Amino acid sequence: MNDKEFTNTTEAHSLFALGRIVVTRGALSLLGQHGVLPMQLVSRHVRGDWGYLNPEDVIANNEALAGNDRILSNYLIDGDDRVWVITEWGRSTTTLLLPSEY
């Protein structure tokens, strides 16, 4: 695999399982340029801090917690640069990626 994989650590305030955590090259590069550790965003994501989402996506995430559906977070890194964190339905994988990599 060309993307970076991290070990899933359990946090006391986790709202859902993360599964395997994967970071794409683009996201890893952007985060590294700005001194942001991938696990900082994962920590926010798993605690329900969805970042910059519209109200409809916030509602969808909150409903997904009960329904085991996909959960999306959107974090501004610098200016307009963003990193998405997506936990897939079924909670098998959480991926950090750039929107252009989706």
PDB file of N, CA and C in Angstrom:
ATOM      1  N   MET A   1       0.846  -1.179   0.000  1.00  0.00           N
ATOM      2  CA  MET A   1       0.000   0.000   0.000  1.00  0.00           C
ATOM      3  C   MET A   1       0.890   1.240   0.000  1.00  0.00           C
ATOM      4  N   ASN A   2       0.553   2.223  -0.801  1.00  0.00           N
ATOM      5  CA  ASN A   2       1.333   3.451  -0.895  1.00  0.00           C
ATOM      6  C   ASN A   2       0.951   4.495   0.142  1.00  0.00           C
ATOM      7  N   ASP A   3      -0.219   4.377   0.714  1.00  0.00           N
ATOM      8  CA  ASP A   3      -0.665   5.335   1.711  1.00  0.00           C
ATOM      9  C   ASP A   3      -0.135   4.927   3.077  1.00  0.00           C
ATOM     10  N   LYS A   4      -0.093   5.876   3.984  1.00  0.00           N
ATOM     11  CA  LYS A   4       0.406   5.632   5.342  1.00  0.00           C
ATOM     12  C   LYS A   4      -0.707   5.044   6.189  1.00  0.00           C
ATOM     13  N   GLU A   5      -0.396   4.004   6.959  1.00  0.00           N
ATOM     14  CA  GLU A   5      -1.381   3.370   7.824  1.00  0.00           C
ATOM     15  C   GLU A   5      -0.966   3.558   9.276  1.00  0.00           C
ATOM     16  N   PHE A   6      -1.928   3.850  10.139  1.00  0.00           N
ATOM     17  CA  PHE A   6      -1.684   4.080  11.547  1.00  0.00           C
ATOM     18  C   PHE A   6      -2.420   3.037  12.373  1.00  0.00           C
ATOM     19  N   THR A   7      -1.946   2.808  13.559  1.00  0.00           N
ATOM     20  CA  THR A   7      -2.611   1.910  14.488  1.00  0.00           C
ATOM     21  C   THR A   7      -3.768   2.644  15.147  1.00  0.00           C
ATOM     22  N   ASN A   8      -4.894   1.994  15.228  1.00  0.00           N
ATOM     23  CA  ASN A   8      -6.077   2.563  15.872  1.00  0.00           C
ATOM     24  C   ASN A   8      -5.909   2.476  17.384  1.00  0.00           C
ATOM     25  N   THR A   9      -5.951   3.609  18.059  1.00  0.00           N
ATOM     26  CA  THR A   9      -5.889   3.625  19.512  1.00  0.00           C
ATOM     27  C   THR A   9      -7.275   3.960  20.050  1.00  0.00           C
ATOM     28  N   THR A  10      -7.655   3.328  21.113  1.00  0.00           N
ATOM     29  CA  THR A  10      -8.965   3.566  21.710  1.00  0.00           C
ATOM     30  C   THR A  10      -8.890   4.753  22.645  1.00  0.00           C
ATOM     31  N   GLU A  11      -9.854   5.655  22.525  1.00  0.00           N
ATOM     32  CA  GLU A  11      -9.922   6.822  23.401  1.00  0.00           C
ATOM     33  C   GLU A  11     -11.168   6.710  24.268  1.00  0.00           C
ATOM     34  N   ALA A  12     -11.085   7.271  25.453  1.00  0.00           N
ATOM     35  CA  ALA A  12     -12.191   7.188  26.401  1.00  0.00           C
ATOM     36  C   ALA A  12     -13.455   7.856  25.872  1.00  0.00           C
ATOM     37  N   HIS A  13     -13.322   8.872  25.039  1.00  0.00           N
ATOM     38  CA  HIS A  13     -14.485   9.635  24.583  1.00  0.00           C
ATOM     39  C   HIS A  13     -14.865   9.326  23.133  1.00  0.00           C
ATOM     40  N   SER A  14     -14.473   8.190  22.630  1.00  0.00           N
ATOM     41  CA  SER A  14     -14.800   7.803  21.263  1.00  0.00           C
ATOM     42  C   SER A  14     -16.288   7.557  21.111  1.00  0.00           C
ATOM     43  N   LEU A  15     -16.855   8.103  20.048  1.00  0.00           N
ATOM     44  CA  LEU A  15     -18.278   7.904  19.771  1.00  0.00           C
ATOM     45  C   LEU A  15     -18.536   6.694  18.884  1.00  0.00           C
ATOM     46  N   PHE A  16     -17.497   6.207  18.203  1.00  0.00           N
ATOM     47  CA  PHE A  16     -17.655   5.101  17.270  1.00  0.00           C
ATOM     48  C   PHE A  16     -16.291   4.469  17.016  1.00  0.00           C
ATOM     49  N   ALA A  17     -16.306   3.275  16.451  1.00  0.00           N
ATOM     50  CA  ALA A  17     -15.070   2.580  16.086  1.00  0.00           C
ATOM     51  C   ALA A  17     -14.508   3.182  14.807  1.00  0.00           C
ATOM     52  N   LEU A  18     -13.199   3.215  14.710  1.00  0.00           N
ATOM     53  CA  LEU A  18     -12.532   3.789  13.550  1.00  0.00           C
ATOM     54  C   LEU A  18     -12.095   2.743  12.529  1.00  0.00           C
ATOM     55  N   GLY A  19     -11.907   1.522  12.947  1.00  0.00           N
ATOM     56  CA  GLY A  19     -11.359   0.504  12.063  1.00  0.00           C
ATOM     57  C   GLY A  19      -9.902   0.821  11.758  1.00  0.00           C
ATOM     58  N   ARG A  20      -9.435   0.389  10.611  1.00  0.00           N
ATOM     59  CA  ARG A  20      -8.064   0.659  10.163  1.00  0.00           C
ATOM     60  C   ARG A  20      -7.976   2.122   9.747  1.00  0.00           C
ATOM     61  N   ILE A  21      -6.926   2.811  10.145  1.00  0.00           N
ATOM     62  CA  ILE A  21      -6.745   4.226   9.814  1.00  0.00           C
ATOM     63  C   ILE A  21      -5.700   4.346   8.715  1.00  0.00           C
ATOM     64  N   VAL A  22      -6.090   5.026   7.622  1.00  0.00           N
ATOM     65  CA  VAL A  22      -5.228   5.185   6.460  1.00  0.00           C
ATOM     66  C   VAL A  22      -5.149   6.661   6.097  1.00  0.00           C
ATOM     67  N   VAL A  23      -3.964   7.112   5.684  1.00  0.00           N
ATOM     68  CA  VAL A  23      -3.768   8.498   5.251  1.00  0.00           C
ATOM     69  C   VAL A  23      -3.180   8.479   3.850  1.00  0.00           C
ATOM     70  N   THR A  24      -3.806   9.206   2.931  1.00  0.00           N
ATOM     71  CA  THR A  24      -3.279   9.269   1.570  1.00  0.00           C
ATOM     72  C   THR A  24      -2.001  10.107   1.537  1.00  0.00           C
ATOM     73  N   ARG A  25      -1.233   9.943   0.479  1.00  0.00           N
ATOM     74  CA  ARG A  25      -0.003  10.715   0.324  1.00  0.00           C
ATOM     75  C   ARG A  25      -0.264  12.214   0.328  1.00  0.00           C
ATOM     76  N   GLY A  26      -1.301  12.630  -0.385  1.00  0.00           N
ATOM     77  CA  GLY A  26      -1.619  14.053  -0.467  1.00  0.00           C
ATOM     78  C   GLY A  26      -1.949  14.652   0.885  1.00  0.00           C
ATOM     79  N   ALA A  27      -2.770  13.953   1.653  1.00  0.00           N
ATOM     80  CA  ALA A  27      -3.142  14.442   2.985  1.00  0.00           C
ATOM     81  C   ALA A  27      -1.935  14.444   3.907  1.00  0.00           C
ATOM     82  N   LEU A  28      -1.129  13.402   3.850  1.00  0.00           N
ATOM     83  CA  LEU A  28       0.056  13.326   4.702  1.00  0.00           C
ATOM     84  C   LEU A  28       1.026  14.459   4.382  1.00  0.00           C
ATOM     85  N   SER A  29       1.181  14.770   3.107  1.00  0.00           N
ATOM     86  CA  SER A  29       2.067  15.862   2.696  1.00  0.00           C
ATOM     87  C   SER A  29       1.554  17.212   3.194  1.00  0.00           C
ATOM     88  N   LEU A  30       0.274  17.475   2.981  1.00  0.00           N
ATOM     89  CA  LEU A  30      -0.317  18.748   3.414  1.00  0.00           C
ATOM     90  C   LEU A  30      -0.221  18.904   4.933  1.00  0.00           C
ATOM     91  N   LEU A  31      -0.577  17.864   5.655  1.00  0.00           N
ATOM     92  CA  LEU A  31      -0.516  17.937   7.111  1.00  0.00           C
ATOM     93  C   LEU A  31       0.919  18.159   7.585  1.00  0.00           C
ATOM     94  N   GLY A  32       1.863  17.474   6.965  1.00  0.00           N
ATOM     95  CA  GLY A  32       3.268  17.637   7.330  1.00  0.00           C
ATOM     96  C   GLY A  32       3.774  19.045   7.088  1.00  0.00           C
ATOM     97  N   GLN A  33       3.331  19.662   5.996  1.00  0.00           N
ATOM     98  CA  GLN A  33       3.740  21.036   5.681  1.00  0.00           C
ATOM     99  C   GLN A  33       3.286  22.015   6.751  1.00  0.00           C
ATOM    100  N   HIS A  34       2.207  21.681   7.448  1.00  0.00           N
ATOM    101  CA  HIS A  34       1.631  22.595   8.441  1.00  0.00           C
ATOM    102  C   HIS A  34       1.806  22.101   9.874  1.00  0.00           C
ATOM    103  N   GLY A  35       2.598  21.063  10.058  1.00  0.00           N
ATOM    104  CA  GLY A  35       2.884  20.568  11.393  1.00  0.00           C
ATOM    105  C   GLY A  35       1.692  19.966  12.112  1.00  0.00           C
ATOM    106  N   VAL A  36       0.765  19.405  11.360  1.00  0.00           N
ATOM    107  CA  VAL A  36      -0.424  18.777  11.945  1.00  0.00           C
ATOM    108  C   VAL A  36      -0.248  17.261  11.874  1.00  0.00           C
ATOM    109  N   LEU A  37      -0.391  16.609  13.002  1.00  0.00           N
ATOM    110  CA  LEU A  37      -0.322  15.149  13.031  1.00  0.00           C
ATOM    111  C   LEU A  37      -1.662  14.562  12.605  1.00  0.00           C
ATOM    112  N   PRO A  38      -1.660  13.531  11.767  1.00  0.00           N
ATOM    113  CA  PRO A  38      -2.929  12.927  11.349  1.00  0.00           C
ATOM    114  C   PRO A  38      -3.819  12.528  12.520  1.00  0.00           C
ATOM    115  N   MET A  39      -3.219  12.011  13.582  1.00  0.00           N
ATOM    116  CA  MET A  39      -4.024  11.558  14.711  1.00  0.00           C
ATOM    117  C   MET A  39      -4.709  12.708  15.444  1.00  0.00           C
ATOM    118  N   GLN A  40      -4.235  13.938  15.264  1.00  0.00           N
ATOM    119  CA  GLN A  40      -4.942  15.085  15.844  1.00  0.00           C
ATOM    120  C   GLN A  40      -6.320  15.216  15.208  1.00  0.00           C
ATOM    121  N   LEU A  41      -6.384  15.049  13.892  1.00  0.00           N
ATOM    122  CA  LEU A  41      -7.675  15.136  13.198  1.00  0.00           C
ATOM    123  C   LEU A  41      -8.542  13.923  13.501  1.00  0.00           C
ATOM    124  N   VAL A  42      -7.932  12.758  13.563  1.00  0.00           N
ATOM    125  CA  VAL A  42      -8.684  11.547  13.892  1.00  0.00           C
ATOM    126  C   VAL A  42      -9.300  11.672  15.282  1.00  0.00           C
ATOM    127  N   SER A  43      -8.550  12.228  16.213  1.00  0.00           N
ATOM    128  CA  SER A  43      -9.055  12.418  17.573  1.00  0.00           C
ATOM    129  C   SER A  43     -10.272  13.331  17.592  1.00  0.00           C
ATOM    130  N   ARG A  44     -10.237  14.408  16.830  1.00  0.00           N
ATOM    131  CA  ARG A  44     -11.396  15.306  16.741  1.00  0.00           C
ATOM    132  C   ARG A  44     -12.590  14.575  16.125  1.00  0.00           C
ATOM    133  N   HIS A  45     -12.318  13.870  15.046  1.00  0.00           N
ATOM    134  CA  HIS A  45     -13.347  13.145  14.291  1.00  0.00           C
ATOM    135  C   HIS A  45     -14.090  12.150  15.185  1.00  0.00           C
ATOM    136  N   VAL A  46     -13.352  11.326  15.914  1.00  0.00           N
ATOM    137  CA  VAL A  46     -13.964  10.260  16.704  1.00  0.00           C
ATOM    138  C   VAL A  46     -14.713  10.795  17.928  1.00  0.00           C
ATOM    139  N   ARG A  47     -14.450  12.059  18.306  1.00  0.00           N
ATOM    140  CA  ARG A  47     -15.162  12.682  19.422  1.00  0.00           C
ATOM    141  C   ARG A  47     -16.374  13.495  18.968  1.00  0.00           C
ATOM    142  N   GLY A  48     -16.631  13.541  17.653  1.00  0.00           N
ATOM    143  CA  GLY A  48     -17.810  14.247  17.153  1.00  0.00           C
ATOM    144  C   GLY A  48     -17.569  15.692  16.787  1.00  0.00           C
ATOM    145  N   ASP A  49     -16.309  16.117  16.718  1.00  0.00           N
ATOM    146  CA  ASP A  49     -15.968  17.453  16.204  1.00  0.00           C
ATOM    147  C   ASP A  49     -15.785  17.281  14.703  1.00  0.00           C
ATOM    148  N   TRP A  50     -16.839  17.578  13.953  1.00  0.00           N
ATOM    149  CA  TRP A  50     -16.859  17.312  12.513  1.00  0.00           C
ATOM    150  C   TRP A  50     -16.146  18.385  11.699  1.00  0.00           C
ATOM    151  N   GLY A  51     -15.660  19.429  12.329  1.00  0.00           N
ATOM    152  CA  GLY A  51     -14.994  20.497  11.586  1.00  0.00           C
ATOM    153  C   GLY A  51     -16.005  21.400  10.902  1.00  0.00           C
ATOM    154  N   TYR A  52     -15.730  21.751   9.658  1.00  0.00           N
ATOM    155  CA  TYR A  52     -16.554  22.701   8.902  1.00  0.00           C
ATOM    156  C   TYR A  52     -17.512  21.958   7.976  1.00  0.00           C
ATOM    157  N   LEU A  53     -18.694  21.652   8.496  1.00  0.00           N
ATOM    158  CA  LEU A  53     -19.733  20.989   7.712  1.00  0.00           C
ATOM    159  C   LEU A  53     -20.978  21.848   7.680  1.00  0.00           C
ATOM    160  N   ASN A  54     -21.766  21.693   6.619  1.00  0.00           N
ATOM    161  CA  ASN A  54     -23.052  22.385   6.579  1.00  0.00           C
ATOM    162  C   ASN A  54     -24.010  21.660   7.522  1.00  0.00           C
ATOM    163  N   PRO A  55     -25.092  22.309   7.906  1.00  0.00           N
ATOM    164  CA  PRO A  55     -26.021  21.707   8.882  1.00  0.00           C
ATOM    165  C   PRO A  55     -26.571  20.347   8.455  1.00  0.00           C
ATOM    166  N   GLU A  56     -26.810  20.160   7.168  1.00  0.00           N
ATOM    167  CA  GLU A  56     -27.338  18.881   6.695  1.00  0.00           C
ATOM    168  C   GLU A  56     -26.347  17.750   6.920  1.00  0.00           C
ATOM    169  N   ASP A  57     -25.049  18.020   6.695  1.00  0.00           N
ATOM    170  CA  ASP A  57     -24.031  16.994   6.906  1.00  0.00           C
ATOM    171  C   ASP A  57     -23.835  16.694   8.385  1.00  0.00           C
ATOM    172  N   VAL A  58     -23.990  17.696   9.238  1.00  0.00           N
ATOM    173  CA  VAL A  58     -23.918  17.473  10.690  1.00  0.00           C
ATOM    174  C   VAL A  58     -25.047  16.534  11.117  1.00  0.00           C
ATOM    175  N   ILE A  59     -26.245  16.798  10.621  1.00  0.00           N
ATOM    176  CA  ILE A  59     -27.393  15.935  10.938  1.00  0.00           C
ATOM    177  C   ILE A  59     -27.142  14.516  10.439  1.00  0.00           C
ATOM    178  N   ALA A  60     -26.629  14.398   9.209  1.00  0.00           N
ATOM    179  CA  ALA A  60     -26.337  13.074   8.639  1.00  0.00           C
ATOM    180  C   ALA A  60     -25.315  12.328   9.494  1.00  0.00           C
ATOM    181  N   ASN A  61     -24.259  13.022   9.953  1.00  0.00           N
ATOM    182  CA  ASN A  61     -23.264  12.382  10.818  1.00  0.00           C
ATOM    183  C   ASN A  61     -23.882  11.919  12.125  1.00  0.00           C
ATOM    184  N   ASN A  62     -24.682  12.773  12.730  1.00  0.00           N
ATOM    185  CA  ASN A  62     -25.304  12.414  14.006  1.00  0.00           C
ATOM    186  C   ASN A  62     -26.232  11.217  13.851  1.00  0.00           C
ATOM    187  N   GLU A  63     -26.946  11.147  12.743  1.00  0.00           N
ATOM    188  CA  GLU A  63     -27.805   9.994  12.475  1.00  0.00           C
ATOM    189  C   GLU A  63     -26.969   8.750  12.173  1.00  0.00           C
ATOM    190  N   ALA A  64     -25.820   8.947  11.522  1.00  0.00           N
ATOM    191  CA  ALA A  64     -24.940   7.826  11.174  1.00  0.00           C
ATOM    192  C   ALA A  64     -24.362   7.146  12.408  1.00  0.00           C
ATOM    193  N   LEU A  65     -24.250   7.884  13.500  1.00  0.00           N
ATOM    194  CA  LEU A  65     -23.743   7.282  14.733  1.00  0.00           C
ATOM    195  C   LEU A  65     -24.615   6.116  15.172  1.00  0.00           C
ATOM    196  N   ALA A  66     -25.916   6.272  15.034  1.00  0.00           N
ATOM    197  CA  ALA A  66     -26.850   5.220  15.428  1.00  0.00           C
ATOM    198  C   ALA A  66     -27.023   4.189  14.325  1.00  0.00           C
ATOM    199  N   GLY A  67     -26.946   4.638  13.075  1.00  0.00           N
ATOM    200  CA  GLY A  67     -27.217   3.754  11.952  1.00  0.00           C
ATOM    201  C   GLY A  67     -26.008   3.047  11.383  1.00  0.00           C
ATOM    202  N   ASN A  68     -24.816   3.320  11.915  1.00  0.00           N
ATOM    203  CA  ASN A  68     -23.595   2.674  11.447  1.00  0.00           C
ATOM    204  C   ASN A  68     -23.256   3.053  10.000  1.00  0.00           C
ATOM    205  N   ASP A  69     -23.714   4.234   9.554  1.00  0.00           N
ATOM    206  CA  ASP A  69     -23.433   4.706   8.213  1.00  0.00           C
ATOM    207  C   ASP A  69     -22.127   5.500   8.173  1.00  0.00           C
ATOM    208  N   ARG A  70     -21.757   5.958   6.986  1.00  0.00           N
ATOM    209  CA  ARG A  70     -20.521   6.710   6.776  1.00  0.00           C
ATOM    210  C   ARG A  70     -20.539   8.023   7.558  1.00  0.00           C
ATOM    211  N   ILE A  71     -19.375   8.389   8.103  1.00  0.00           N
ATOM    212  CA  ILE A  71     -19.226   9.640   8.844  1.00  0.00           C
ATOM    213  C   ILE A  71     -18.114  10.453   8.183  1.00  0.00           C
ATOM    214  N   LEU A  72     -18.398  11.730   7.916  1.00  0.00           N
ATOM    215  CA  LEU A  72     -17.466  12.629   7.238  1.00  0.00           C
ATOM    216  C   LEU A  72     -17.150  13.823   8.113  1.00  0.00           C
ATOM    217  N   SER A  73     -15.866  14.145   8.228  1.00  0.00           N
ATOM    218  CA  SER A  73     -15.431  15.395   8.848  1.00  0.00           C
ATOM    219  C   SER A  73     -14.626  16.178   7.824  1.00  0.00           C
ATOM    220  N   ASN A  74     -14.645  17.496   7.951  1.00  0.00           N
ATOM    221  CA  ASN A  74     -13.987  18.391   7.002  1.00  0.00           C
ATOM    222  C   ASN A  74     -13.196  19.423   7.794  1.00  0.00           C
ATOM    223  N   TYR A  75     -11.876  19.342   7.734  1.00  0.00           N
ATOM    224  CA  TYR A  75     -11.029  20.231   8.532  1.00  0.00           C
ATOM    225  C   TYR A  75     -10.229  21.179   7.644  1.00  0.00           C
ATOM    226  N   LEU A  76     -10.313  22.471   7.959  1.00  0.00           N
ATOM    227  CA  LEU A  76      -9.484  23.470   7.283  1.00  0.00           C
ATOM    228  C   LEU A  76      -8.077  23.374   7.853  1.00  0.00           C
ATOM    229  N   ILE A  77      -7.093  23.344   6.979  1.00  0.00           N
ATOM    230  CA  ILE A  77      -5.709  23.244   7.424  1.00  0.00           C
ATOM    231  C   ILE A  77      -5.015  24.597   7.305  1.00  0.00           C
ATOM    232  N   ASP A  78      -5.161  25.238   6.164  1.00  0.00           N
ATOM    233  CA  ASP A  78      -4.570  26.562   5.976  1.00  0.00           C
ATOM    234  C   ASP A  78      -5.312  27.224   4.822  1.00  0.00           C
ATOM    235  N   GLY A  79      -5.911  28.367   5.074  1.00  0.00           N
ATOM    236  CA  GLY A  79      -6.671  29.026   4.007  1.00  0.00           C
ATOM    237  C   GLY A  79      -7.787  28.132   3.518  1.00  0.00           C
ATOM    238  N   ASP A  80      -7.726  27.753   2.248  1.00  0.00           N
ATOM    239  CA  ASP A  80      -8.755  26.895   1.663  1.00  0.00           C
ATOM    240  C   ASP A  80      -8.364  25.426   1.630  1.00  0.00           C
ATOM    241  N   ASP A  81      -7.171  25.080   2.121  1.00  0.00           N
ATOM    242  CA  ASP A  81      -6.741  23.681   2.127  1.00  0.00           C
ATOM    243  C   ASP A  81      -7.535  22.904   3.160  1.00  0.00           C
ATOM    244  N   ARG A  82      -8.036  21.761   2.740  1.00  0.00           N
ATOM    245  CA  ARG A  82      -8.885  20.949   3.607  1.00  0.00           C
ATOM    246  C   ARG A  82      -8.412  19.501   3.602  1.00  0.00           C
ATOM    247  N   VAL A  83      -8.686  18.838   4.692  1.00  0.00           N
ATOM    248  CA  VAL A  83      -8.502  17.393   4.775  1.00  0.00           C
ATOM    249  C   VAL A  83      -9.826  16.810   5.237  1.00  0.00           C
ATOM    250  N   TRP A  84     -10.278  15.807   4.511  1.00  0.00           N
ATOM    251  CA  TRP A  84     -11.470  15.081   4.915  1.00  0.00           C
ATOM    252  C   TRP A  84     -11.051  13.865   5.722  1.00  0.00           C
ATOM    253  N   VAL A  85     -11.846  13.525   6.718  1.00  0.00           N
ATOM    254  CA  VAL A  85     -11.697  12.273   7.450  1.00  0.00           C
ATOM    255  C   VAL A  85     -13.021  11.538   7.273  1.00  0.00           C
ATOM    256  N   ILE A  86     -12.945  10.355   6.698  1.00  0.00           N
ATOM    257  CA  ILE A  86     -14.144   9.581   6.404  1.00  0.00           C
ATOM    258  C   ILE A  86     -14.034   8.211   7.065  1.00  0.00           C
ATOM    259  N   THR A  87     -14.997   7.904   7.906  1.00  0.00           N
ATOM    260  CA  THR A  87     -15.126   6.555   8.445  1.00  0.00           C
ATOM    261  C   THR A  87     -16.235   5.879   7.657  1.00  0.00           C
ATOM    262  N   GLU A  88     -15.887   4.778   7.008  1.00  0.00           N
ATOM    263  CA  GLU A  88     -16.829   4.076   6.137  1.00  0.00           C
ATOM    264  C   GLU A  88     -17.941   3.413   6.945  1.00  0.00           C
ATOM    265  N   TRP A  89     -19.069   3.175   6.282  1.00  0.00           N
ATOM    266  CA  TRP A  89     -20.160   2.453   6.930  1.00  0.00           C
ATOM    267  C   TRP A  89     -19.590   1.106   7.365  1.00  0.00           C
ATOM    268  N   GLY A  90     -20.066   0.600   8.445  1.00  0.00           N
ATOM    269  CA  GLY A  90     -19.550  -0.649   8.975  1.00  0.00           C
ATOM    270  C   GLY A  90     -18.313  -0.467   9.836  1.00  0.00           C
ATOM    271  N   ARG A  91     -17.710   0.732   9.787  1.00  0.00           N
ATOM    272  CA  ARG A  91     -16.578   1.111  10.647  1.00  0.00           C
ATOM    273  C   ARG A  91     -15.324   0.276  10.416  1.00  0.00           C
ATOM    274  N   SER A  92     -15.110  -0.204   9.187  1.00  0.00           N
ATOM    275  CA  SER A  92     -13.918  -1.001   8.910  1.00  0.00           C
ATOM    276  C   SER A  92     -12.683  -0.155   8.645  1.00  0.00           C
ATOM    277  N   THR A  93     -12.889   1.062   8.116  1.00  0.00           N
ATOM    278  CA  THR A  93     -11.756   1.904   7.720  1.00  0.00           C
ATOM    279  C   THR A  93     -12.077   3.374   7.936  1.00  0.00           C
ATOM    280  N   THR A  94     -11.075   4.117   8.387  1.00  0.00           N
ATOM    281  CA  THR A  94     -11.134   5.575   8.452  1.00  0.00           C
ATOM    282  C   THR A  94      -9.992   6.097   7.600  1.00  0.00           C
ATOM    283  N   THR A  95     -10.310   7.003   6.670  1.00  0.00           N
ATOM    284  CA  THR A  95      -9.318   7.520   5.742  1.00  0.00           C
ATOM    285  C   THR A  95      -9.214   9.034   5.852  1.00  0.00           C
ATOM    286  N   LEU A  96      -7.979   9.523   5.891  1.00  0.00           N
ATOM    287  CA  LEU A  96      -7.707  10.958   5.795  1.00  0.00           C
ATOM    288  C   LEU A  96      -7.260  11.219   4.372  1.00  0.00           C
ATOM    289  N   LEU A  97      -7.906  12.155   3.694  1.00  0.00           N
ATOM    290  CA  LEU A  97      -7.604  12.428   2.299  1.00  0.00           C
ATOM    291  C   LEU A  97      -7.938  13.853   1.943  1.00  0.00           C
ATOM    292  N   LEU A  98      -7.383  14.311   0.841  1.00  0.00           N
ATOM    293  CA  LEU A  98      -7.744  15.600   0.282  1.00  0.00           C
ATOM    294  C   LEU A  98      -9.046  15.441  -0.485  1.00  0.00           C
ATOM    295  N   PRO A  99      -9.886  16.472  -0.536  1.00  0.00           N
ATOM    296  CA  PRO A  99     -11.113  16.365  -1.329  1.00  0.00           C
ATOM    297  C   PRO A  99     -10.838  15.964  -2.782  1.00  0.00           C
ATOM    298  N   SER A 100      -9.729  16.423  -3.348  1.00  0.00           N
ATOM    299  CA  SER A 100      -9.395  16.076  -4.740  1.00  0.00           C
ATOM    300  C   SER A 100      -9.044  14.598  -4.901  1.00  0.00           C
ATOM    301  N   GLU A 101      -8.789  13.900  -3.800  1.00  0.00           N
ATOM    302  CA  GLU A 101      -8.438  12.485  -3.859  1.00  0.00           C
ATOM    303  C   GLU A 101      -9.649  11.562  -3.686  1.00  0.00           C
ATOM    304  N   TYR A 102     -10.823  12.149  -3.483  1.00  0.00           N
ATOM    305  CA  TYR A 102     -12.020  11.356  -3.246  1.00  0.00           C
ATOM    306  C   TYR A 102     -12.488  10.675  -4.507  1.00  0.00           C
TER     307      TYR A 102
END
